Amino acid sequence: MRYEYTVTKEGGEAELMKAMSWKKLFKSLLLKYPKFSGWCTYFNKKGHIQVKALHNGKIVHERKRNQTSY
Protein backbone atom coordinates (compact mmCIF):
# COMPACT_ATOMS: atom_id res chain seq x y z
CA MET A 1 0.00 0.00 0.00
CA ARG A 2 1.12 3.50 -0.69
CA TYR A 3 0.14 5.34 2.50
CA GLU A 4 -0.04 4.43 6.17
CA TYR A 5 -2.79 6.18 8.08
CA THR A 6 -2.94 6.49 11.85
CA VAL A 7 -6.62 6.29 12.76
CA THR A 8 -7.38 7.63 16.24
CA LYS A 9 -10.79 7.28 17.87
CA GLU A 10 -12.20 9.90 20.24
CA GLY A 11 -11.32 7.65 23.18
CA GLY A 12 -7.62 7.92 22.26
CA GLU A 13 -6.98 4.41 20.92
CA ALA A 14 -4.91 4.47 17.72
CA GLU A 15 -4.84 1.97 14.87
CA LEU A 16 -2.60 1.79 11.82
CA MET A 17 -4.36 1.24 8.47
CA LYS A 18 -2.90 1.07 4.98
CA ALA A 19 -4.57 2.25 1.77
CA MET A 20 -3.73 3.56 -1.69
CA SER A 21 -5.64 6.83 -1.23
CA TRP A 22 -7.59 8.87 1.30
CA LYS A 23 -10.86 8.09 -0.48
CA LYS A 24 -10.29 4.32 -0.28
CA LEU A 25 -9.32 4.55 3.39
CA PHE A 26 -12.44 6.59 4.13
CA LYS A 27 -14.67 3.98 2.49
CA SER A 28 -13.03 1.05 4.30
CA LEU A 29 -13.10 2.95 7.61
CA LEU A 30 -16.85 3.55 7.34
CA LEU A 31 -17.45 -0.11 6.50
CA LYS A 32 -15.54 -1.12 9.62
CA TYR A 33 -16.94 1.63 11.91
CA PRO A 34 -20.16 3.13 10.41
CA LYS A 35 -20.46 6.02 12.93
CA PHE A 36 -16.73 6.71 13.35
CA SER A 37 -15.69 9.78 15.33
CA GLY A 38 -12.04 10.73 15.57
CA TRP A 39 -9.27 11.72 13.18
CA CYS A 40 -6.87 10.26 10.61
CA THR A 41 -3.26 11.38 10.23
CA TYR A 42 -0.90 10.70 7.33
CA PHE A 43 1.99 12.14 5.31
CA ASN A 44 1.13 13.16 1.74
CA LYS A 45 3.37 12.66 -1.28
CA LYS A 46 5.14 15.98 -0.61
CA GLY A 47 5.97 14.85 2.92
CA HIS A 48 3.58 17.19 4.75
CA ILE A 49 1.45 15.87 7.59
CA GLN A 50 -2.30 15.84 6.93
CA VAL A 51 -5.02 15.51 9.56
CA LYS A 52 -8.64 14.76 8.65
CA ALA A 53 -11.30 14.96 11.37
CA LEU A 54 -14.49 12.88 11.30
CA HIS A 55 -17.63 13.08 13.41
CA ASN A 56 -20.40 10.44 13.19
CA GLY A 57 -19.04 9.13 9.88
CA LYS A 58 -18.79 12.54 8.18
CA ILE A 59 -15.78 14.73 7.45
CA VAL A 60 -15.58 17.88 9.57
CA HIS A 61 -14.76 20.86 7.37
CA GLU A 62 -13.19 23.79 9.13
CA ARG A 63 -14.64 27.24 8.80
CA LYS A 64 -12.73 29.80 6.75
CA ARG A 65 -10.62 32.11 8.91
CA ASN A 66 -11.94 35.41 7.53
CA GLN A 67 -15.60 34.44 7.73
CA THR A 68 -17.38 36.34 10.52
CA SER A 69 -21.01 35.20 10.12
CA TYR A 70 -22.05 31.69 11.03
PDB file of N, CA and C in Angstrom:
ATOM      1  N   MET A   1       0.840  -1.183   0.000  1.00  0.00           N
ATOM      2  CA  MET A   1       0.000   0.000   0.000  1.00  0.00           C
ATOM      3  C   MET A   1       0.881   1.242   0.000  1.00  0.00           C
ATOM      4  N   ARG A   2       0.325   2.294  -0.520  1.00  0.00           N
ATOM      5  CA  ARG A   2       1.116   3.504  -0.688  1.00  0.00           C
ATOM      6  C   ARG A   2       1.234   4.322   0.594  1.00  0.00           C
ATOM      7  N   TYR A   3       0.136   4.479   1.313  1.00  0.00           N
ATOM      8  CA  TYR A   3       0.142   5.337   2.497  1.00  0.00           C
ATOM      9  C   TYR A   3      -0.228   4.548   3.738  1.00  0.00           C
ATOM     10  N   GLU A   4       0.327   4.981   4.865  1.00  0.00           N
ATOM     11  CA  GLU A   4      -0.037   4.428   6.166  1.00  0.00           C
ATOM     12  C   GLU A   4      -0.758   5.533   6.927  1.00  0.00           C
ATOM     13  N   TYR A   5      -1.950   5.223   7.373  1.00  0.00           N
ATOM     14  CA  TYR A   5      -2.791   6.177   8.084  1.00  0.00           C
ATOM     15  C   TYR A   5      -2.879   5.772   9.543  1.00  0.00           C
ATOM     16  N   THR A   6      -2.731   6.733  10.438  1.00  0.00           N
ATOM     17  CA  THR A   6      -2.939   6.492  11.854  1.00  0.00           C
ATOM     18  C   THR A   6      -4.349   6.951  12.174  1.00  0.00           C
ATOM     19  N   VAL A   7      -5.221   6.005  12.469  1.00  0.00           N
ATOM     20  CA  VAL A   7      -6.623   6.293  12.756  1.00  0.00           C
ATOM     21  C   VAL A   7      -6.790   6.313  14.266  1.00  0.00           C
ATOM     22  N   THR A   8      -7.214   7.463  14.805  1.00  0.00           N
ATOM     23  CA  THR A   8      -7.376   7.631  16.242  1.00  0.00           C
ATOM     24  C   THR A   8      -8.839   7.895  16.562  1.00  0.00           C
ATOM     25  N   LYS A   9      -9.397   7.089  17.446  1.00  0.00           N
ATOM     26  CA  LYS A   9     -10.787   7.284  17.871  1.00  0.00           C
ATOM     27  C   LYS A   9     -10.841   8.371  18.932  1.00  0.00           C
ATOM     28  N   GLU A  10     -12.049   8.848  19.231  1.00  0.00           N
ATOM     29  CA  GLU A  10     -12.204   9.899  20.238  1.00  0.00           C
ATOM     30  C   GLU A  10     -11.714   9.454  21.611  1.00  0.00           C
ATOM     31  N   GLY A  11     -11.789   8.163  21.896  1.00  0.00           N
ATOM     32  CA  GLY A  11     -11.318   7.651  23.181  1.00  0.00           C
ATOM     33  C   GLY A  11      -9.808   7.674  23.328  1.00  0.00           C
ATOM     34  N   GLY A  12      -9.073   7.828  22.218  1.00  0.00           N
ATOM     35  CA  GLY A  12      -7.625   7.915  22.263  1.00  0.00           C
ATOM     36  C   GLY A  12      -6.909   6.689  21.734  1.00  0.00           C
ATOM     37  N   GLU A  13      -7.641   5.613  21.427  1.00  0.00           N
ATOM     38  CA  GLU A  13      -6.979   4.409  20.919  1.00  0.00           C
ATOM     39  C   GLU A  13      -6.649   4.587  19.437  1.00  0.00           C
ATOM     40  N   ALA A  14      -5.410   4.281  19.086  1.00  0.00           N
ATOM     41  CA  ALA A  14      -4.914   4.474  17.716  1.00  0.00           C
ATOM     42  C   ALA A  14      -4.766   3.130  17.015  1.00  0.00           C
ATOM     43  N   GLU A  15      -4.954   3.166  15.695  1.00  0.00           N
ATOM     44  CA  GLU A  15      -4.844   1.970  14.865  1.00  0.00           C
ATOM     45  C   GLU A  15      -4.161   2.370  13.569  1.00  0.00           C
ATOM     46  N   LEU A  16      -3.297   1.527  13.065  1.00  0.00           N
ATOM     47  CA  LEU A  16      -2.598   1.794  11.818  1.00  0.00           C
ATOM     48  C   LEU A  16      -3.305   1.070  10.678  1.00  0.00           C
ATOM     49  N   MET A  17      -3.694   1.820   9.639  1.00  0.00           N
ATOM     50  CA  MET A  17      -4.361   1.238   8.473  1.00  0.00           C
ATOM     51  C   MET A  17      -3.580   1.645   7.232  1.00  0.00           C
ATOM     52  N   LYS A  18      -3.592   0.787   6.221  1.00  0.00           N
ATOM     53  CA  LYS A  18      -2.898   1.071   4.977  1.00  0.00           C
ATOM     54  C   LYS A  18      -3.909   1.143   3.840  1.00  0.00           C
ATOM     55  N   ALA A  19      -3.685   2.098   2.919  1.00  0.00           N
ATOM     56  CA  ALA A  19      -4.566   2.247   1.766  1.00  0.00           C
ATOM     57  C   ALA A  19      -3.817   2.983   0.666  1.00  0.00           C
ATOM     58  N   MET A  20      -4.343   2.899  -0.536  1.00  0.00           N
ATOM     59  CA  MET A  20      -3.733   3.561  -1.689  1.00  0.00           C
ATOM     60  C   MET A  20      -4.094   5.041  -1.765  1.00  0.00           C
ATOM     61  N   SER A  21      -5.228   5.428  -1.182  1.00  0.00           N
ATOM     62  CA  SER A  21      -5.641   6.832  -1.230  1.00  0.00           C
ATOM     63  C   SER A  21      -6.529   7.143  -0.033  1.00  0.00           C
ATOM     64  N   TRP A  22      -6.735   8.427   0.200  1.00  0.00           N
ATOM     65  CA  TRP A  22      -7.588   8.868   1.299  1.00  0.00           C
ATOM     66  C   TRP A  22      -9.021   8.407   1.082  1.00  0.00           C
ATOM     67  N   LYS A  23      -9.487   8.476  -0.154  1.00  0.00           N
ATOM     68  CA  LYS A  23     -10.862   8.093  -0.477  1.00  0.00           C
ATOM     69  C   LYS A  23     -11.111   6.612  -0.182  1.00  0.00           C
ATOM     70  N   LYS A  24     -10.153   5.761  -0.533  1.00  0.00           N
ATOM     71  CA  LYS A  24     -10.294   4.322  -0.277  1.00  0.00           C
ATOM     72  C   LYS A  24     -10.220   4.018   1.215  1.00  0.00           C
ATOM     73  N   LEU A  25      -9.381   4.738   1.943  1.00  0.00           N
ATOM     74  CA  LEU A  25      -9.324   4.547   3.389  1.00  0.00           C
ATOM     75  C   LEU A  25     -10.638   4.966   4.029  1.00  0.00           C
ATOM     76  N   PHE A  26     -11.190   6.072   3.586  1.00  0.00           N
ATOM     77  CA  PHE A  26     -12.438   6.592   4.132  1.00  0.00           C
ATOM     78  C   PHE A  26     -13.567   5.582   3.953  1.00  0.00           C
ATOM     79  N   LYS A  27     -13.637   4.976   2.758  1.00  0.00           N
ATOM     80  CA  LYS A  27     -14.674   3.976   2.487  1.00  0.00           C
ATOM     81  C   LYS A  27     -14.498   2.745   3.376  1.00  0.00           C
ATOM     82  N   SER A  28     -13.269   2.240   3.485  1.00  0.00           N
ATOM     83  CA  SER A  28     -13.034   1.050   4.301  1.00  0.00           C
ATOM     84  C   SER A  28     -13.228   1.340   5.788  1.00  0.00           C
ATOM     85  N   LEU A  29     -12.918   2.561   6.209  1.00  0.00           N
ATOM     86  CA  LEU A  29     -13.102   2.953   7.605  1.00  0.00           C
ATOM     87  C   LEU A  29     -14.582   2.971   7.967  1.00  0.00           C
ATOM     88  N   LEU A  30     -15.422   3.495   7.063  1.00  0.00           N
ATOM     89  CA  LEU A  30     -16.855   3.550   7.335  1.00  0.00           C
ATOM     90  C   LEU A  30     -17.506   2.173   7.261  1.00  0.00           C
ATOM     91  N   LEU A  31     -16.930   1.252   6.492  1.00  0.00           N
ATOM     92  CA  LEU A  31     -17.447  -0.115   6.495  1.00  0.00           C
ATOM     93  C   LEU A  31     -17.134  -0.806   7.821  1.00  0.00           C
ATOM     94  N   LYS A  32     -15.961  -0.510   8.362  1.00  0.00           N
ATOM     95  CA  LYS A  32     -15.536  -1.116   9.616  1.00  0.00           C
ATOM     96  C   LYS A  32     -16.234  -0.475  10.811  1.00  0.00           C
ATOM     97  N   TYR A  33     -16.296   0.868  10.834  1.00  0.00           N
ATOM     98  CA  TYR A  33     -16.942   1.629  11.908  1.00  0.00           C
ATOM     99  C   TYR A  33     -17.924   2.611  11.262  1.00  0.00           C
ATOM    100  N   PRO A  34     -19.213   2.267  11.134  1.00  0.00           N
ATOM    101  CA  PRO A  34     -20.162   3.134  10.414  1.00  0.00           C
ATOM    102  C   PRO A  34     -20.333   4.544  10.996  1.00  0.00           C
ATOM    103  N   LYS A  35     -20.287   4.700  12.306  1.00  0.00           N
ATOM    104  CA  LYS A  35     -20.458   6.023  12.930  1.00  0.00           C
ATOM    105  C   LYS A  35     -19.144   6.456  13.570  1.00  0.00           C
ATOM    106  N   PHE A  36     -18.061   6.418  12.816  1.00  0.00           N
ATOM    107  CA  PHE A  36     -16.728   6.711  13.347  1.00  0.00           C
ATOM    108  C   PHE A  36     -16.601   8.178  13.722  1.00  0.00           C
ATOM    109  N   SER A  37     -16.029   8.428  14.885  1.00  0.00           N
ATOM    110  CA  SER A  37     -15.692   9.778  15.335  1.00  0.00           C
ATOM    111  C   SER A  37     -14.238   9.760  15.789  1.00  0.00           C
ATOM    112  N   GLY A  38     -13.450  10.654  15.238  1.00  0.00           N
ATOM    113  CA  GLY A  38     -12.036  10.731  15.569  1.00  0.00           C
ATOM    114  C   GLY A  38     -11.298  11.455  14.463  1.00  0.00           C
ATOM    115  N   TRP A  39     -10.035  11.072  14.233  1.00  0.00           N
ATOM    116  CA  TRP A  39      -9.266  11.718  13.181  1.00  0.00           C
ATOM    117  C   TRP A  39      -8.274  10.749  12.574  1.00  0.00           C
ATOM    118  N   CYS A  40      -7.848  11.067  11.350  1.00  0.00           N
ATOM    119  CA  CYS A  40      -6.869  10.265  10.611  1.00  0.00           C
ATOM    120  C   CYS A  40      -5.681  11.159  10.291  1.00  0.00           C
ATOM    121  N   THR A  41      -4.486  10.637  10.471  1.00  0.00           N
ATOM    122  CA  THR A  41      -3.262  11.382  10.228  1.00  0.00           C
ATOM    123  C   THR A  41      -2.396  10.610   9.251  1.00  0.00           C
ATOM    124  N   TYR A  42      -1.798  11.334   8.285  1.00  0.00           N
ATOM    125  CA  TYR A  42      -0.896  10.702   7.327  1.00  0.00           C
ATOM    126  C   TYR A  42       0.022  11.743   6.714  1.00  0.00           C
ATOM    127  N   PHE A  43       1.075  11.263   6.044  1.00  0.00           N
ATOM    128  CA  PHE A  43       1.987  12.139   5.313  1.00  0.00           C
ATOM    129  C   PHE A  43       1.646  12.038   3.830  1.00  0.00           C
ATOM    130  N   ASN A  44       1.450  13.186   3.173  1.00  0.00           N
ATOM    131  CA  ASN A  44       1.126  13.162   1.744  1.00  0.00           C
ATOM    132  C   ASN A  44       2.385  12.960   0.905  1.00  0.00           C
ATOM    133  N   LYS A  45       2.235  12.962  -0.410  1.00  0.00           N
ATOM    134  CA  LYS A  45       3.374  12.663  -1.278  1.00  0.00           C
ATOM    135  C   LYS A  45       4.462  13.732  -1.231  1.00  0.00           C
ATOM    136  N   LYS A  46       4.138  14.926  -0.774  1.00  0.00           N
ATOM    137  CA  LYS A  46       5.137  15.984  -0.611  1.00  0.00           C
ATOM    138  C   LYS A  46       5.825  15.914   0.753  1.00  0.00           C
ATOM    139  N   GLY A  47       5.353  15.019   1.621  1.00  0.00           N
ATOM    140  CA  GLY A  47       5.968  14.852   2.925  1.00  0.00           C
ATOM    141  C   GLY A  47       5.367  15.710   4.022  1.00  0.00           C
ATOM    142  N   HIS A  48       4.239  16.368   3.751  1.00  0.00           N
ATOM    143  CA  HIS A  48       3.577  17.192   4.754  1.00  0.00           C
ATOM    144  C   HIS A  48       2.538  16.362   5.492  1.00  0.00           C
ATOM    145  N   ILE A  49       2.423  16.615   6.794  1.00  0.00           N
ATOM    146  CA  ILE A  49       1.454  15.866   7.592  1.00  0.00           C
ATOM    147  C   ILE A  49       0.049  16.403   7.321  1.00  0.00           C
ATOM    148  N   GLN A  50      -0.910  15.489   7.185  1.00  0.00           N
ATOM    149  CA  GLN A  50      -2.298  15.842   6.930  1.00  0.00           C
ATOM    150  C   GLN A  50      -3.146  15.221   8.033  1.00  0.00           C
ATOM    151  N   VAL A  51      -4.115  15.997   8.527  1.00  0.00           N
ATOM    152  CA  VAL A  51      -5.021  15.506   9.556  1.00  0.00           C
ATOM    153  C   VAL A  51      -6.444  15.739   9.082  1.00  0.00           C
ATOM    154  N   LYS A  52      -7.237  14.674   9.055  1.00  0.00           N
ATOM    155  CA  LYS A  52      -8.639  14.755   8.650  1.00  0.00           C
ATOM    156  C   LYS A  52      -9.487  14.370   9.853  1.00  0.00           C
ATOM    157  N   ALA A  53     -10.426  15.221  10.227  1.00  0.00           N
ATOM    158  CA  ALA A  53     -11.298  14.956  11.370  1.00  0.00           C
ATOM    159  C   ALA A  53     -12.639  14.429  10.878  1.00  0.00           C
ATOM    160  N   LEU A  54     -13.196  13.467  11.633  1.00  0.00           N
ATOM    161  CA  LEU A  54     -14.491  12.882  11.303  1.00  0.00           C
ATOM    162  C   LEU A  54     -15.372  12.881  12.545  1.00  0.00           C
ATOM    163  N   HIS A  55     -16.666  13.112  12.323  1.00  0.00           N
ATOM    164  CA  HIS A  55     -17.632  13.078  13.410  1.00  0.00           C
ATOM    165  C   HIS A  55     -18.880  12.368  12.916  1.00  0.00           C
ATOM    166  N   ASN A  56     -19.240  11.271  13.567  1.00  0.00           N
ATOM    167  CA  ASN A  56     -20.398  10.440  13.187  1.00  0.00           C
ATOM    168  C   ASN A  56     -20.356  10.007  11.731  1.00  0.00           C
ATOM    169  N   GLY A  57     -19.184   9.643  11.238  1.00  0.00           N
ATOM    170  CA  GLY A  57     -19.043   9.134   9.882  1.00  0.00           C
ATOM    171  C   GLY A  57     -18.992  10.189   8.799  1.00  0.00           C
ATOM    172  N   LYS A  58     -18.858  11.465   9.165  1.00  0.00           N
ATOM    173  CA  LYS A  58     -18.787  12.542   8.178  1.00  0.00           C
ATOM    174  C   LYS A  58     -17.549  13.387   8.426  1.00  0.00           C
ATOM    175  N   ILE A  59     -16.975  13.900   7.345  1.00  0.00           N
ATOM    176  CA  ILE A  59     -15.779  14.733   7.454  1.00  0.00           C
ATOM    177  C   ILE A  59     -16.152  16.087   8.029  1.00  0.00           C
ATOM    178  N   VAL A  60     -15.365  16.562   8.970  1.00  0.00           N
ATOM    179  CA  VAL A  60     -15.578  17.877   9.574  1.00  0.00           C
ATOM    180  C   VAL A  60     -14.756  18.878   8.782  1.00  0.00           C
ATOM    181  N   HIS A  61     -15.438  19.802   8.120  1.00  0.00           N
ATOM    182  CA  HIS A  61     -14.758  20.857   7.369  1.00  0.00           C
ATOM    183  C   HIS A  61     -14.616  22.073   8.269  1.00  0.00           C
ATOM    184  N   GLU A  62     -13.424  22.623   8.282  1.00  0.00           N
ATOM    185  CA  GLU A  62     -13.191  23.787   9.130  1.00  0.00           C
ATOM    186  C   GLU A  62     -13.718  25.038   8.458  1.00  0.00           C
ATOM    187  N   ARG A  63     -14.119  25.984   9.289  1.00  0.00           N
ATOM    188  CA  ARG A  63     -14.639  27.241   8.802  1.00  0.00           C
ATOM    189  C   ARG A  63     -13.491  28.090   8.260  1.00  0.00           C
ATOM    190  N   LYS A  64     -13.752  28.896   7.261  1.00  0.00           N
ATOM    191  CA  LYS A  64     -12.732  29.798   6.746  1.00  0.00           C
ATOM    192  C   LYS A  64     -12.361  30.825   7.801  1.00  0.00           C
ATOM    193  N   ARG A  65     -11.103  31.214   7.854  1.00  0.00           N
ATOM    194  CA  ARG A  65     -10.623  32.107   8.911  1.00  0.00           C
ATOM    195  C   ARG A  65     -11.226  33.516   8.850  1.00  0.00           C
ATOM    196  N   ASN A  66     -11.463  34.036   7.657  1.00  0.00           N
ATOM    197  CA  ASN A  66     -11.942  35.405   7.530  1.00  0.00           C
ATOM    198  C   ASN A  66     -13.464  35.520   7.587  1.00  0.00           C
ATOM    199  N   GLN A  67     -14.151  34.420   7.692  1.00  0.00           N
ATOM    200  CA  GLN A  67     -15.599  34.444   7.730  1.00  0.00           C
ATOM    201  C   GLN A  67     -16.065  34.841   9.128  1.00  0.00           C
ATOM    202  N   THR A  68     -16.932  35.872   9.213  1.00  0.00           N
ATOM    203  CA  THR A  68     -17.376  36.343  10.520  1.00  0.00           C
ATOM    204  C   THR A  68     -18.785  35.877  10.844  1.00  0.00           C
ATOM    205  N   SER A  69     -19.636  35.663   9.847  1.00  0.00           N
ATOM    206  CA  SER A  69     -21.006  35.199  10.124  1.00  0.00           C
ATOM    207  C   SER A  69     -21.035  33.678  10.139  1.00  0.00           C
ATOM    208  N   TYR A  70     -21.965  33.139  10.889  1.00  0.00           N
ATOM    209  CA  TYR A  70     -22.047  31.685  11.032  1.00  0.00           C
ATOM    210  C   TYR A  70     -23.115  31.133  10.171  1.00  0.00           C
TER     211      TYR A  70
END
